[in-house]
Amino acid sequence: MVVTLSIILMISDNQRQQSSEIRAFLLTLMSPIEYIASLPSGFIDWADFSMTSRSQLILDNKELRAEQLILKVQSQRMISLESENAHLRQLLGSLKREKGQRRIAEIMNVDSDPSKHIVTINKGSLDNVYIGQPILDATGVLGQVISTSTLTSKALLITDSSHAIPVKILRNGIRAIAKGTGNPNQLILEQLPHTTDIKLGDTLVTSGLGMRFPSGFPVATIKIVNNDPGQAFAQALATTSADLLRTGLVVLLWPDHRLEVQ
């Protein structure tokens, strides 16, 4: 009996082993078929992932470009603000020696008539601006106020053909009158005696005569001297120290002699 059971068990184990080997063989044959069958689904998943990634990349790229544009605009504004702040520091620094009151103003408009060198600034009688008040920038004299309203004023630039300003040659103190020529950034000195000691490169500054412009502020630099003996007088052309074509911020001065009436 025991022997019979042992034989039955041995045959059963042998059949299971053969069955396992057959199953393993069949699974090996089925693996490539299963792999091929899974390809369409895998390809669809890969394509879907790729399309999603590409769409996301395009969207991210657009957002980055938009952010870059915004940053560039902000950067330009920062550059402008830095330049403006530097200009303000120049304006205030150049006026430390002037004891009178001073205030920053901005040019709002330029007269449309090219024969008139007139600008409008954003300060008026409400700010105690007065007719005849001197206007400067960081590099020199610009002009003077010719009319005021409550909030704005008009200023005549020193290059206007109707304007004249008392000056002196910084090198030797010789006085003269610099008149506007009607040309941008150009002044003329007329009726100079032939013996006048004036040279190319001489700096002209305000002389203080007339008590309108404080003494010692840069006005222009001599560029041409015409000392023709055949003419009754010599004359000279000068380029303004301030670039009147590019000025945006200006300084209004209240010289000491005006303080008591403000």
C-alpha atoms as a PDB file:
ATOM      1  CA  MET A   1       0.000   0.000   0.000  1.00  0.00           C
ATOM      2  CA  VAL A   2       2.718   2.415   0.967  1.00  0.00           C
ATOM      3  CA  VAL A   3       4.659   1.488  -2.132  1.00  0.00           C
ATOM      4  CA  THR A   4       1.626   2.147  -4.315  1.00  0.00           C
ATOM      5  CA  LEU A   5       1.128   5.613  -2.827  1.00  0.00           C
ATOM      6  CA  SER A   6       4.790   6.420  -3.321  1.00  0.00           C
ATOM      7  CA  ILE A   7       4.586   5.456  -7.008  1.00  0.00           C
ATOM      8  CA  ILE A   8       1.459   7.587  -7.487  1.00  0.00           C
ATOM      9  CA  LEU A   9       3.152  10.558  -5.850  1.00  0.00           C
ATOM     10  CA  MET A  10       6.287  10.181  -8.006  1.00  0.00           C
ATOM     11  CA  ILE A  11       4.196  10.073 -11.194  1.00  0.00           C
ATOM     12  CA  SER A  12       2.209  13.139 -10.088  1.00  0.00           C
ATOM     13  CA  ASP A  13       5.364  15.136  -9.305  1.00  0.00           C
ATOM     14  CA  ASN A  14       6.836  14.199 -12.677  1.00  0.00           C
ATOM     15  CA  GLN A  15       3.702  15.371 -14.475  1.00  0.00           C
ATOM     16  CA  ARG A  16       3.736  18.693 -12.573  1.00  0.00           C
ATOM     17  CA  GLN A  17       7.381  19.244 -13.529  1.00  0.00           C
ATOM     18  CA  GLN A  18       6.602  18.532 -17.172  1.00  0.00           C
ATOM     19  CA  SER A  19       3.559  20.807 -16.966  1.00  0.00           C
ATOM     20  CA  SER A  20       5.700  23.638 -15.510  1.00  0.00           C
ATOM     21  CA  GLU A  21       8.268  23.208 -18.231  1.00  0.00           C
ATOM     22  CA  ILE A  22       5.590  23.310 -20.936  1.00  0.00           C
ATOM     23  CA  ARG A  23       4.004  26.388 -19.331  1.00  0.00           C
ATOM     24  CA  ALA A  24       7.375  28.151 -19.210  1.00  0.00           C
ATOM     25  CA  PHE A  25       8.018  27.255 -22.858  1.00  0.00           C
ATOM     26  CA  LEU A  26       4.611  28.586 -23.912  1.00  0.00           C
ATOM     27  CA  LEU A  27       5.150  31.826 -21.952  1.00  0.00           C
ATOM     28  CA  THR A  28       8.455  32.296 -23.725  1.00  0.00           C
ATOM     29  CA  LEU A  29       6.716  31.928 -27.079  1.00  0.00           C
ATOM     30  CA  MET A  30       3.953  34.351 -26.039  1.00  0.00           C
ATOM     31  CA  SER A  31       6.273  37.150 -24.814  1.00  0.00           C
ATOM     32  CA  PRO A  32       7.040  38.648 -28.275  1.00  0.00           C
ATOM     33  CA  ILE A  33       3.346  38.492 -29.186  1.00  0.00           C
ATOM     34  CA  GLU A  34       2.395  40.304 -25.971  1.00  0.00           C
ATOM     35  CA  TYR A  35       5.138  42.893 -26.593  1.00  0.00           C
ATOM     36  CA  ILE A  36       3.894  43.520 -30.149  1.00  0.00           C
ATOM     37  CA  ALA A  37       0.307  43.720 -28.943  1.00  0.00           C
ATOM     38  CA  SER A  38       1.286  46.369 -26.371  1.00  0.00           C
ATOM     39  CA  LEU A  39       3.034  48.600 -28.932  1.00  0.00           C
ATOM     40  CA  PRO A  40      -0.045  50.559 -30.160  1.00  0.00           C
ATOM     41  CA  SER A  41      -1.094  51.396 -26.635  1.00  0.00           C
ATOM     42  CA  GLY A  42       2.449  52.387 -25.703  1.00  0.00           C
ATOM     43  CA  PHE A  43       2.820  54.488 -28.820  1.00  0.00           C
ATOM     44  CA  ILE A  44      -0.447  56.285 -28.078  1.00  0.00           C
ATOM     45  CA  ASP A  45       0.701  56.974 -24.522  1.00  0.00           C
ATOM     46  CA  TRP A  46       4.096  58.206 -25.791  1.00  0.00           C
ATOM     47  CA  ALA A  47       2.481  60.384 -28.495  1.00  0.00           C
ATOM     48  CA  ASP A  48       0.031  61.824 -26.000  1.00  0.00           C
ATOM     49  CA  PHE A  49       2.854  62.596 -23.586  1.00  0.00           C
ATOM     50  CA  SER A  50       4.958  64.119 -26.368  1.00  0.00           C
ATOM     51  CA  MET A  51       2.101  66.314 -27.598  1.00  0.00           C
ATOM     52  CA  THR A  52       1.335  67.436 -24.059  1.00  0.00           C
ATOM     53  CA  SER A  53       5.011  68.191 -23.434  1.00  0.00           C
ATOM     54  CA  ARG A  54       5.321  70.108 -26.716  1.00  0.00           C
ATOM     55  CA  SER A  55       2.181  72.138 -26.024  1.00  0.00           C
ATOM     56  CA  GLN A  56       3.431  72.881 -22.533  1.00  0.00           C
ATOM     57  CA  LEU A  57       6.835  73.871 -23.886  1.00  0.00           C
ATOM     58  CA  ILE A  58       5.223  76.211 -26.427  1.00  0.00           C
ATOM     59  CA  LEU A  59       3.052  77.727 -23.695  1.00  0.00           C
ATOM     60  CA  ASP A  60       6.033  78.063 -21.346  1.00  0.00           C
ATOM     61  CA  ASN A  61       8.055  79.641 -24.170  1.00  0.00           C
ATOM     62  CA  LYS A  62       5.330  82.207 -24.830  1.00  0.00           C
ATOM     63  CA  GLU A  63       5.108  83.033 -21.130  1.00  0.00           C
ATOM     64  CA  LEU A  64       8.890  83.389 -20.906  1.00  0.00           C
ATOM     65  CA  ARG A  65       8.921  85.672 -23.950  1.00  0.00           C
ATOM     66  CA  ALA A  66       6.174  87.791 -22.398  1.00  0.00           C
ATOM     67  CA  GLU A  67       8.062  87.978 -19.114  1.00  0.00           C
ATOM     68  CA  GLN A  68      11.257  88.853 -20.990  1.00  0.00           C
ATOM     69  CA  LEU A  69       9.471  91.675 -22.799  1.00  0.00           C
ATOM     70  CA  ILE A  70       8.073  93.009 -19.539  1.00  0.00           C
ATOM     71  CA  LEU A  71      11.516  92.830 -17.931  1.00  0.00           C
ATOM     72  CA  LYS A  72      13.057  94.676 -20.880  1.00  0.00           C
ATOM     73  CA  VAL A  73      10.455  97.428 -20.591  1.00  0.00           C
ATOM     74  CA  GLN A  74      11.061  97.639 -16.854  1.00  0.00           C
ATOM     75  CA  SER A  75      14.803  97.670 -17.498  1.00  0.00           C
ATOM     76  CA  GLN A  76      14.411 100.576 -19.913  1.00  0.00           C
ATOM     77  CA  ARG A  77      12.374 102.444 -17.311  1.00  0.00           C
ATOM     78  CA  MET A  78      15.040 101.708 -14.689  1.00  0.00           C
ATOM     79  CA  ILE A  79      17.733 103.016 -17.008  1.00  0.00           C
ATOM     80  CA  SER A  80      15.629 106.133 -17.578  1.00  0.00           C
ATOM     81  CA  LEU A  81      15.077 106.582 -13.836  1.00  0.00           C
ATOM     82  CA  GLU A  82      18.775 106.075 -13.096  1.00  0.00           C
ATOM     83  CA  SER A  83      19.678 108.614 -15.754  1.00  0.00           C
ATOM     84  CA  GLU A  84      17.063 111.012 -14.415  1.00  0.00           C
ATOM     85  CA  ASN A  85      18.313 110.573 -10.848  1.00  0.00           C
ATOM     86  CA  ALA A  86      21.893 111.151 -11.979  1.00  0.00           C
ATOM     87  CA  HIS A  87      20.742 114.275 -13.801  1.00  0.00           C
ATOM     88  CA  LEU A  88      18.941 115.484 -10.668  1.00  0.00           C
ATOM     89  CA  ARG A  89      22.079 114.909  -8.622  1.00  0.00           C
ATOM     90  CA  GLN A  90      24.017 116.954 -11.181  1.00  0.00           C
ATOM     91  CA  LEU A  91      21.430 119.707 -11.065  1.00  0.00           C
ATOM     92  CA  LEU A  92      21.458 119.958  -7.300  1.00  0.00           C
ATOM     93  CA  GLY A  93      25.206 119.479  -7.032  1.00  0.00           C
ATOM     94  CA  SER A  94      25.954 122.247  -9.502  1.00  0.00           C
ATOM     95  CA  LEU A  95      23.875 124.662  -7.442  1.00  0.00           C
ATOM     96  CA  LYS A  96      25.343 124.043  -3.995  1.00  0.00           C
ATOM     97  CA  ARG A  97      27.178 127.344  -4.086  1.00  0.00           C
ATOM     98  CA  GLU A  98      23.994 129.262  -4.914  1.00  0.00           C
ATOM     99  CA  LYS A  99      22.458 130.376  -1.604  1.00  0.00           C
ATOM    100  CA  GLY A 100      19.077 131.339  -2.994  1.00  0.00           C
ATOM    101  CA  GLN A 101      16.045 129.109  -3.199  1.00  0.00           C
ATOM    102  CA  ARG A 102      15.877 126.614  -6.044  1.00  0.00           C
ATOM    103  CA  ARG A 103      13.367 124.114  -7.401  1.00  0.00           C
ATOM    104  CA  ILE A 104      13.338 121.380 -10.028  1.00  0.00           C
ATOM    105  CA  ALA A 105      10.889 121.778 -12.923  1.00  0.00           C
ATOM    106  CA  GLU A 106      10.185 119.847 -16.102  1.00  0.00           C
ATOM    107  CA  ILE A 107       9.828 121.058 -19.670  1.00  0.00           C
ATOM    108  CA  MET A 108       6.330 120.120 -20.819  1.00  0.00           C
ATOM    109  CA  ASN A 109       6.239 121.575 -24.306  1.00  0.00           C
ATOM    110  CA  VAL A 110       8.344 123.309 -26.948  1.00  0.00           C
ATOM    111  CA  ASP A 111       6.908 126.114 -29.064  1.00  0.00           C
ATOM    112  CA  SER A 112       5.887 124.818 -32.478  1.00  0.00           C
ATOM    113  CA  ASP A 113       7.211 127.962 -34.192  1.00  0.00           C
ATOM    114  CA  PRO A 114      10.831 127.124 -35.134  1.00  0.00           C
ATOM    115  CA  SER A 115      11.737 130.819 -35.137  1.00  0.00           C
ATOM    116  CA  LYS A 116      10.794 131.089 -31.465  1.00  0.00           C
ATOM    117  CA  HIS A 117      12.887 129.328 -28.833  1.00  0.00           C
ATOM    118  CA  ILE A 118      10.238 129.128 -26.129  1.00  0.00           C
ATOM    119  CA  VAL A 119       9.409 126.251 -23.787  1.00  0.00           C
ATOM    120  CA  THR A 120       6.660 125.595 -21.244  1.00  0.00           C
ATOM    121  CA  ILE A 121       7.545 124.312 -17.773  1.00  0.00           C
ATOM    122  CA  ASN A 122       5.319 122.691 -15.148  1.00  0.00           C
ATOM    123  CA  LYS A 123       5.722 125.362 -12.480  1.00  0.00           C
ATOM    124  CA  GLY A 124       3.729 128.600 -12.245  1.00  0.00           C
ATOM    125  CA  SER A 125       2.687 131.448  -9.979  1.00  0.00           C
ATOM    126  CA  LEU A 126       1.408 128.916  -7.450  1.00  0.00           C
ATOM    127  CA  ASP A 127       5.069 127.936  -7.041  1.00  0.00           C
ATOM    128  CA  ASN A 128       6.155 131.610  -6.799  1.00  0.00           C
ATOM    129  CA  VAL A 129       7.628 131.581 -10.300  1.00  0.00           C
ATOM    130  CA  TYR A 130       8.138 135.160 -11.515  1.00  0.00           C
ATOM    131  CA  ILE A 131       8.798 136.889 -14.829  1.00  0.00           C
ATOM    132  CA  GLY A 132      12.514 137.258 -15.468  1.00  0.00           C
ATOM    133  CA  GLN A 133      13.401 134.268 -13.286  1.00  0.00           C
ATOM    134  CA  PRO A 134      16.577 132.453 -14.413  1.00  0.00           C
ATOM    135  CA  ILE A 135      16.395 128.830 -15.555  1.00  0.00           C
ATOM    136  CA  LEU A 136      19.401 126.491 -15.665  1.00  0.00           C
ATOM    137  CA  ASP A 137      20.228 122.831 -16.112  1.00  0.00           C
ATOM    138  CA  ALA A 138      23.166 120.758 -14.881  1.00  0.00           C
ATOM    139  CA  THR A 139      25.582 122.210 -17.430  1.00  0.00           C
ATOM    140  CA  GLY A 140      24.609 125.843 -17.816  1.00  0.00           C
ATOM    141  CA  VAL A 141      22.088 128.622 -18.304  1.00  0.00           C
ATOM    142  CA  LEU A 142      18.962 127.886 -20.365  1.00  0.00           C
ATOM    143  CA  GLY A 143      16.953 131.086 -20.319  1.00  0.00           C
ATOM    144  CA  GLN A 144      14.449 133.076 -18.306  1.00  0.00           C
ATOM    145  CA  VAL A 145      10.727 133.096 -17.545  1.00  0.00           C
ATOM    146  CA  ILE A 146       8.693 135.464 -19.751  1.00  0.00           C
ATOM    147  CA  SER A 147       5.137 134.671 -18.594  1.00  0.00           C
ATOM    148  CA  THR A 148       3.383 132.732 -15.856  1.00  0.00           C
ATOM    149  CA  SER A 149       0.021 131.135 -15.187  1.00  0.00           C
ATOM    150  CA  THR A 150      -1.157 129.377 -12.058  1.00  0.00           C
ATOM    151  CA  LEU A 151       0.419 125.998 -12.830  1.00  0.00           C
ATOM    152  CA  THR A 152       2.775 126.597 -15.768  1.00  0.00           C
ATOM    153  CA  SER A 153       5.193 129.174 -17.136  1.00  0.00           C
ATOM    154  CA  LYS A 154       6.835 130.013 -20.450  1.00  0.00           C
ATOM    155  CA  ALA A 155      10.558 130.532 -20.712  1.00  0.00           C
ATOM    156  CA  LEU A 156      12.600 132.202 -23.438  1.00  0.00           C
ATOM    157  CA  LEU A 157      15.802 130.297 -24.212  1.00  0.00           C
ATOM    158  CA  ILE A 158      19.083 132.172 -24.518  1.00  0.00           C
ATOM    159  CA  THR A 159      19.382 131.104 -28.172  1.00  0.00           C
ATOM    160  CA  ASP A 160      16.229 132.983 -29.218  1.00  0.00           C
ATOM    161  CA  SER A 161      17.102 135.872 -31.533  1.00  0.00           C
ATOM    162  CA  SER A 162      15.439 138.354 -29.167  1.00  0.00           C
ATOM    163  CA  HIS A 163      17.413 137.268 -26.097  1.00  0.00           C
ATOM    164  CA  ALA A 164      20.653 138.776 -24.762  1.00  0.00           C
ATOM    165  CA  ILE A 165      22.601 137.868 -21.640  1.00  0.00           C
ATOM    166  CA  PRO A 166      25.506 139.665 -19.932  1.00  0.00           C
ATOM    167  CA  VAL A 167      28.582 137.421 -19.814  1.00  0.00           C
ATOM    168  CA  LYS A 168      32.263 137.536 -19.045  1.00  0.00           C
ATOM    169  CA  ILE A 169      35.214 135.524 -20.290  1.00  0.00           C
ATOM    170  CA  LEU A 170      36.195 133.225 -17.448  1.00  0.00           C
ATOM    171  CA  ARG A 171      39.884 133.353 -18.378  1.00  0.00           C
ATOM    172  CA  ASN A 172      40.308 137.121 -18.081  1.00  0.00           C
ATOM    173  CA  GLY A 173      37.020 138.612 -16.806  1.00  0.00           C
ATOM    174  CA  ILE A 174      36.327 140.673 -19.959  1.00  0.00           C
ATOM    175  CA  ARG A 175      32.609 141.441 -20.184  1.00  0.00           C
ATOM    176  CA  ALA A 176      30.378 141.221 -23.237  1.00  0.00           C
ATOM    177  CA  ILE A 177      26.796 140.591 -24.309  1.00  0.00           C
ATOM    178  CA  ALA A 178      25.911 137.184 -25.773  1.00  0.00           C
ATOM    179  CA  LYS A 179      22.888 137.281 -28.071  1.00  0.00           C
ATOM    180  CA  GLY A 180      20.738 134.474 -29.404  1.00  0.00           C
ATOM    181  CA  THR A 181      21.167 133.672 -33.094  1.00  0.00           C
ATOM    182  CA  GLY A 182      17.929 131.774 -33.588  1.00  0.00           C
ATOM    183  CA  ASN A 183      20.018 128.655 -34.279  1.00  0.00           C
ATOM    184  CA  PRO A 184      20.063 125.721 -31.851  1.00  0.00           C
ATOM    185  CA  ASN A 185      22.758 125.960 -29.172  1.00  0.00           C
ATOM    186  CA  GLN A 186      24.457 128.971 -30.779  1.00  0.00           C
ATOM    187  CA  LEU A 187      25.141 132.493 -29.438  1.00  0.00           C
ATOM    188  CA  ILE A 188      26.918 135.455 -30.967  1.00  0.00           C
ATOM    189  CA  LEU A 189      29.065 138.192 -29.437  1.00  0.00           C
ATOM    190  CA  GLU A 190      28.981 141.331 -31.594  1.00  0.00           C
ATOM    191  CA  GLN A 191      30.633 144.743 -31.575  1.00  0.00           C
ATOM    192  CA  LEU A 192      33.771 143.532 -29.860  1.00  0.00           C
ATOM    193  CA  PRO A 193      36.778 145.862 -30.091  1.00  0.00           C
ATOM    194  CA  HIS A 194      39.527 144.332 -32.219  1.00  0.00           C
ATOM    195  CA  THR A 195      41.768 144.459 -29.165  1.00  0.00           C
ATOM    196  CA  THR A 196      39.470 142.193 -27.152  1.00  0.00           C
ATOM    197  CA  ASP A 197      41.382 139.262 -25.694  1.00  0.00           C
ATOM    198  CA  ILE A 198      39.089 136.438 -26.776  1.00  0.00           C
ATOM    199  CA  LYS A 199      40.222 133.014 -27.994  1.00  0.00           C
ATOM    200  CA  LEU A 200      38.815 129.746 -29.247  1.00  0.00           C
ATOM    201  CA  GLY A 201      37.773 127.557 -26.323  1.00  0.00           C
ATOM    202  CA  ASP A 202      37.210 130.449 -23.922  1.00  0.00           C
ATOM    203  CA  THR A 203      34.387 129.787 -21.463  1.00  0.00           C
ATOM    204  CA  LEU A 204      31.670 132.393 -21.053  1.00  0.00           C
ATOM    205  CA  VAL A 205      29.910 132.667 -17.693  1.00  0.00           C
ATOM    206  CA  THR A 206      27.197 134.946 -16.373  1.00  0.00           C
ATOM    207  CA  SER A 207      28.632 138.268 -15.256  1.00  0.00           C
ATOM    208  CA  GLY A 208      25.871 139.120 -12.776  1.00  0.00           C
ATOM    209  CA  LEU A 209      25.188 142.494 -14.409  1.00  0.00           C
ATOM    210  CA  GLY A 210      21.510 143.383 -14.436  1.00  0.00           C
ATOM    211  CA  MET A 211      20.980 141.167 -11.355  1.00  0.00           C
ATOM    212  CA  ARG A 212      18.853 138.720 -13.336  1.00  0.00           C
ATOM    213  CA  PHE A 213      21.278 135.830 -13.721  1.00  0.00           C
ATOM    214  CA  PRO A 214      23.524 135.089 -10.728  1.00  0.00           C
ATOM    215  CA  SER A 215      27.223 135.493 -11.466  1.00  0.00           C
ATOM    216  CA  GLY A 216      29.478 132.627 -12.453  1.00  0.00           C
ATOM    217  CA  PHE A 217      27.193 130.121 -14.170  1.00  0.00           C
ATOM    218  CA  PRO A 218      28.396 128.608 -17.491  1.00  0.00           C
ATOM    219  CA  VAL A 219      26.755 130.047 -20.594  1.00  0.00           C
ATOM    220  CA  ALA A 220      28.770 129.020 -23.661  1.00  0.00           C
ATOM    221  CA  THR A 221      32.157 128.175 -25.166  1.00  0.00           C
ATOM    222  CA  ILE A 222      33.783 130.222 -27.937  1.00  0.00           C
ATOM    223  CA  LYS A 223      33.983 128.254 -31.210  1.00  0.00           C
ATOM    224  CA  ILE A 224      34.689 130.905 -33.871  1.00  0.00           C
ATOM    225  CA  VAL A 225      36.418 134.296 -33.637  1.00  0.00           C
ATOM    226  CA  ASN A 226      36.123 136.702 -36.576  1.00  0.00           C
ATOM    227  CA  ASN A 227      38.612 139.512 -36.126  1.00  0.00           C
ATOM    228  CA  ASP A 228      38.636 140.984 -39.624  1.00  0.00           C
ATOM    229  CA  PRO A 229      40.508 144.350 -39.616  1.00  0.00           C
ATOM    230  CA  GLY A 230      38.279 145.461 -42.502  1.00  0.00           C
ATOM    231  CA  GLN A 231      35.250 145.368 -40.213  1.00  0.00           C
ATOM    232  CA  ALA A 232      34.442 147.971 -37.584  1.00  0.00           C
ATOM    233  CA  PHE A 233      34.192 145.357 -34.850  1.00  0.00           C
ATOM    234  CA  ALA A 234      35.219 141.798 -34.174  1.00  0.00           C
ATOM    235  CA  GLN A 235      32.645 139.126 -33.400  1.00  0.00           C
ATOM    236  CA  ALA A 236      32.582 135.587 -32.064  1.00  0.00           C
ATOM    237  CA  LEU A 237      30.269 132.607 -32.188  1.00  0.00           C
ATOM    238  CA  ALA A 238      29.791 130.375 -29.155  1.00  0.00           C
ATOM    239  CA  THR A 239      28.119 127.033 -28.424  1.00  0.00           C
ATOM    240  CA  THR A 240      25.870 126.943 -25.368  1.00  0.00           C
ATOM    241  CA  SER A 241      27.055 124.962 -22.362  1.00  0.00           C
ATOM    242  CA  ALA A 242      23.570 123.478 -21.949  1.00  0.00           C
ATOM    243  CA  ASP A 243      22.197 121.318 -24.738  1.00  0.00           C
ATOM    244  CA  LEU A 244      18.930 123.160 -25.253  1.00  0.00           C
ATOM    245  CA  LEU A 245      17.643 120.528 -27.679  1.00  0.00           C
ATOM    246  CA  ARG A 246      17.807 117.673 -25.174  1.00  0.00           C
ATOM    247  CA  THR A 247      17.042 119.286 -21.856  1.00  0.00           C
ATOM    248  CA  GLY A 248      14.116 117.802 -19.921  1.00  0.00           C
ATOM    249  CA  LEU A 249      14.639 118.725 -16.277  1.00  0.00           C
ATOM    250  CA  VAL A 250      15.560 122.269 -15.307  1.00  0.00           C
ATOM    251  CA  VAL A 251      16.250 124.328 -12.202  1.00  0.00           C
ATOM    252  CA  LEU A 252      14.421 127.494 -11.255  1.00  0.00           C
ATOM    253  CA  LEU A 253      16.494 129.915  -9.193  1.00  0.00           C
ATOM    254  CA  TRP A 254      15.378 132.492  -6.660  1.00  0.00           C
ATOM    255  CA  PRO A 255      18.533 134.602  -6.175  1.00  0.00           C
ATOM    256  CA  ASP A 256      19.122 136.164  -2.744  1.00  0.00           C
ATOM    257  CA  HIS A 257      17.890 139.575  -3.828  1.00  0.00           C
ATOM    258  CA  ARG A 258      14.491 138.072  -4.715  1.00  0.00           C
ATOM    259  CA  LEU A 259      13.900 136.170  -1.495  1.00  0.00           C
ATOM    260  CA  GLU A 260      12.340 139.033   0.428  1.00  0.00           C
ATOM    261  CA  VAL A 261       9.619 139.529  -2.191  1.00  0.00           C
ATOM    262  CA  GLN A 262       8.634 135.860  -2.510  1.00  0.00           C
END
